[in-house]
Protein backbone atom coordinates (compact mmCIF):
# COMPACT_ATOMS: atom_id res chain seq x y z
CA UNK A 1 138.26 159.71 139.69
CA UNK A 2 135.05 160.82 139.34
CA UNK A 3 132.05 158.58 139.18
CA UNK A 4 131.71 157.44 142.72
CA UNK A 5 130.16 160.04 145.62
CA UNK A 6 132.17 159.42 148.66
CA UNK A 7 130.57 162.66 150.56
CA UNK A 8 128.52 160.56 152.97
CA UNK A 9 131.17 157.90 153.37
CA UNK A 10 132.58 157.81 157.07
CA UNK A 11 136.33 156.23 157.02
CA UNK A 12 138.79 155.63 159.77
CA UNK A 13 141.80 155.10 159.21
CA UNK A 14 144.01 153.29 161.90
CA UNK A 15 147.93 154.36 161.65
CA UNK A 16 150.27 154.88 164.01
CA UNK A 17 152.99 156.55 161.64
CA UNK A 18 152.13 160.39 161.71
CA UNK A 19 153.85 160.91 158.57
CA UNK A 20 151.56 157.94 156.82
CA UNK A 21 148.40 159.01 158.86
CA UNK A 22 148.75 162.73 157.38
CA UNK A 23 149.06 161.53 153.78
CA UNK A 24 145.97 159.10 154.36
CA UNK A 25 143.92 162.33 155.38
CA UNK A 26 145.12 164.63 152.69
CA UNK A 27 144.58 161.99 150.25
CA UNK A 28 140.76 160.90 151.41
CA UNK A 29 139.91 164.99 151.46
CA UNK A 30 141.22 165.00 147.83
CA UNK A 31 138.71 162.12 147.24
CA UNK A 32 135.92 164.28 148.91
CA UNK A 33 135.11 161.74 151.76
CA UNK A 34 132.39 163.18 153.73
CA UNK A 35 134.19 162.41 157.18
CA UNK A 36 137.80 161.06 158.57
CA UNK A 37 138.42 159.31 161.81
CA UNK A 38 141.74 158.68 162.92
CA UNK A 39 143.12 156.10 165.14
CA UNK A 40 147.12 155.59 166.23
CA UNK A 41 146.43 152.10 167.65
CA UNK A 42 144.36 148.93 167.51
CA UNK A 43 142.79 149.50 170.76
CA UNK A 44 141.44 152.98 169.82
CA UNK A 45 140.72 151.72 166.59
CA UNK A 46 138.23 149.06 167.90
CA UNK A 47 136.55 151.55 170.56
CA UNK A 48 135.82 154.01 167.35
CA UNK A 49 134.36 151.11 165.65
CA UNK A 50 132.04 150.65 168.31
CA UNK A 51 131.12 153.61 169.22
CA UNK A 52 131.52 156.23 166.08
CA UNK A 53 130.54 153.39 163.55
CA UNK A 54 132.30 154.48 160.41
CA UNK A 55 131.57 153.14 156.94
CA UNK A 56 135.06 151.72 155.64
CA UNK A 57 138.31 151.02 157.85
CA UNK A 58 141.97 151.56 156.42
CA UNK A 59 144.20 149.89 158.96
CA UNK A 60 148.20 149.37 159.25
CA UNK A 61 149.01 145.89 159.59
CA UNK A 62 151.30 146.73 162.54
CA UNK A 63 149.46 148.83 164.79
CA UNK A 64 150.45 148.98 168.45
CA UNK A 65 148.83 147.21 171.36
CA UNK A 66 146.59 145.43 168.78
CA UNK A 67 147.83 144.69 165.68
CA UNK A 68 145.70 145.39 162.13
CA UNK A 69 145.08 141.15 162.05
CA UNK A 70 143.83 141.06 165.66
CA UNK A 71 141.86 143.99 164.97
CA UNK A 72 140.07 142.80 161.99
CA UNK A 73 139.22 139.39 163.75
CA UNK A 74 137.79 141.41 166.39
CA UNK A 75 135.68 143.49 164.00
CA UNK A 76 134.47 140.11 162.32
CA UNK A 77 133.87 137.92 165.23
CA UNK A 78 134.09 139.92 168.20
CA UNK A 79 131.08 139.35 170.49
CA UNK A 80 130.80 142.91 170.96
CA UNK A 81 131.23 143.85 167.53
CA UNK A 82 128.61 146.77 166.11
CA UNK A 83 128.96 145.68 162.50
CA UNK A 84 130.87 142.23 161.68
CA UNK A 85 130.33 143.19 157.88
CA UNK A 86 132.42 146.16 158.05
CA UNK A 87 134.80 146.80 155.18
CA UNK A 88 138.23 146.43 156.17
CA UNK A 89 141.28 147.49 153.74
CA UNK A 90 144.87 146.32 155.09
CA UNK A 91 147.47 148.61 154.35
CA UNK A 92 150.93 147.54 155.02
CA UNK A 93 154.82 147.71 153.80
CA UNK A 94 154.58 144.11 154.05
CA UNK A 95 154.28 142.46 150.72
CA UNK A 96 155.18 138.58 151.16
CA UNK A 97 152.72 135.71 150.87
CA UNK A 98 152.66 135.24 154.67
CA UNK A 99 151.60 138.66 155.65
CA UNK A 100 148.87 138.65 152.86
CA UNK A 101 147.27 135.33 153.48
CA UNK A 102 147.53 136.39 157.22
CA UNK A 103 145.42 139.38 156.52
CA UNK A 104 143.10 137.38 154.23
CA UNK A 105 142.46 134.81 156.87
CA UNK A 106 141.62 137.40 159.39
CA UNK A 107 138.70 138.77 156.98
CA UNK A 108 140.03 142.19 155.18
CA UNK A 109 138.12 142.88 152.09
CA UNK A 110 141.29 144.42 150.19
CA UNK A 111 145.27 144.40 150.81
CA UNK A 112 147.08 147.75 149.67
CA UNK A 113 150.92 147.82 150.09
CA UNK A 114 152.62 150.85 150.76
CA UNK A 115 153.76 153.22 149.18
CA UNK A 116 150.61 153.73 147.24
CA UNK A 117 149.19 156.60 145.20
CA UNK A 118 145.82 158.26 145.26
CA UNK A 119 144.64 156.03 142.45
CA UNK A 120 145.25 152.78 144.54
CA UNK A 121 143.40 154.20 147.26
CA UNK A 122 140.64 155.00 145.51
CA UNK A 123 140.49 151.74 143.52
CA UNK A 124 140.00 149.82 146.81
CA UNK A 125 137.47 152.00 147.88
CA UNK A 126 135.61 151.44 144.58
CA UNK A 127 135.92 147.87 145.15
CA UNK A 128 134.58 147.52 148.46
CA UNK A 129 131.48 149.92 147.90
CA UNK A 130 130.82 149.38 144.12
CA UNK A 131 131.80 145.81 144.19
CA UNK A 132 131.45 143.95 147.30
CA UNK A 133 132.08 140.25 147.69
CA UNK A 134 129.71 138.14 149.47
CA UNK A 135 130.17 137.12 153.17
CA UNK A 136 130.88 133.48 154.44
CA UNK A 137 130.46 131.82 157.69
CA UNK A 138 132.24 128.65 158.68
CA UNK A 139 133.10 126.76 161.76
CA UNK A 140 136.39 128.82 161.77
CA UNK A 141 135.99 131.91 159.65
CA UNK A 142 133.78 134.62 158.83
CA UNK A 143 134.61 137.48 156.40
CA UNK A 144 134.51 138.22 152.81
CA UNK A 145 134.08 135.40 150.14
CA UNK A 146 137.84 134.62 150.05
CA UNK A 147 138.49 131.51 147.42
CA UNK A 148 141.61 132.32 145.03
CA UNK A 149 141.27 130.65 141.84
CA UNK A 150 144.52 128.72 140.80
CA UNK A 151 146.67 129.64 144.41
CA UNK A 152 149.27 127.03 144.14
CA UNK A 153 149.57 127.71 147.98
CA UNK A 154 146.00 127.50 148.52
CA UNK A 155 145.51 124.56 151.01
CA UNK A 156 141.62 125.05 151.98
CA UNK A 157 138.82 123.29 151.17
CA UNK A 158 138.08 122.69 147.97
CA UNK A 159 134.95 123.56 146.01
CA UNK A 160 132.86 120.57 147.73
CA UNK A 161 134.12 121.84 151.14
CA UNK A 162 136.88 119.30 151.62
CA UNK A 163 140.05 119.52 153.59
CA UNK A 164 141.45 122.15 155.95
CA UNK A 165 141.36 125.72 156.19
CA UNK A 166 144.51 127.33 154.98
CA UNK A 167 146.99 129.46 157.48
CA UNK A 168 149.86 131.91 156.74
CA UNK A 169 152.33 129.84 158.11
CA UNK A 170 151.98 127.41 154.91
CA UNK A 171 153.40 130.21 152.89
CA UNK A 172 156.90 130.95 152.44
CA UNK A 173 157.67 134.05 154.05
CA UNK A 174 160.22 135.44 151.62
CA UNK A 175 158.16 135.16 148.69
CA UNK A 176 157.50 139.22 147.71
CA UNK A 177 154.15 139.84 145.84
CA UNK A 178 153.37 143.13 143.97
CA UNK A 179 150.23 144.78 144.36
CA UNK A 180 148.96 143.34 141.15
CA UNK A 181 149.70 139.80 142.17
CA UNK A 182 147.62 140.16 145.13
CA UNK A 183 144.97 142.16 143.53
CA UNK A 184 144.30 139.20 140.97
CA UNK A 185 145.34 135.91 143.18
CA UNK A 186 144.39 136.65 146.80
CA UNK A 187 141.35 138.84 146.68
CA UNK A 188 139.20 137.87 143.79
CA UNK A 189 137.57 134.36 143.52
CA UNK A 190 134.67 132.15 144.36
CA UNK A 191 133.06 130.68 147.52
CA UNK A 192 135.26 129.51 150.43
CA UNK A 193 133.82 126.43 152.26
CA UNK A 194 133.77 124.61 155.44
CA UNK A 195 132.71 120.91 155.72
CA UNK A 196 129.27 120.68 154.21
CA UNK A 197 130.16 124.11 152.69
CA UNK A 198 129.81 127.60 154.04
CA UNK A 199 126.72 129.49 155.09
CA UNK A 200 126.55 132.35 152.37
CA UNK A 201 125.29 135.78 154.00
CA UNK A 202 123.71 139.00 152.18
CA UNK A 203 126.01 141.60 151.55
CA UNK A 204 126.13 144.75 153.83
CA UNK A 205 124.46 147.92 152.80
CA UNK A 206 126.50 149.95 150.67
CA UNK A 207 129.08 152.18 152.50
CA UNK A 208 127.72 156.18 153.01
CA UNK A 209 123.96 154.72 152.09
CA UNK A 210 121.29 156.09 154.26
């Protein structure tokens, strides 16, 4: 896993399960991440984002008090969010289309299904650091460009900005996805637009850069 210097990267792990949090910590240390911050619920994670300024966040879907979806929304659109462009990787035991679309619509950058390998974790870090997606703003969404090519469940604006945005309940809950399907279909693609098209915003600085 050479070729990516993580020594200046500050990573926040928001995970309420002690074993999972310890596993994340051990894996990130093995990847030579510069600083690892930890939170056990969404409220604590949001406070750490506000005051300790991580470069990247791994958040569990099912955090207590404030779940991963609401946490991500507040990072993206909260009035007091210090960094709406903060890369957020959702980690979850849920692999249904419903959960993946909910996370995507909240504005996450990547979605990683448990259990995952060190290589899987590293690949998400590489993706958000070396190949960051553009951020877009519409009337009802702010976050990474989320257009998904050839998605039969996509019901959002077409390339000319028509129709309505997708919502997670439109997806069948029972449809389980593999990590490969998630990576190929749900976190790649072009620009998602509102009426008249989105405002395409400049990508944030590279995590860990000075």
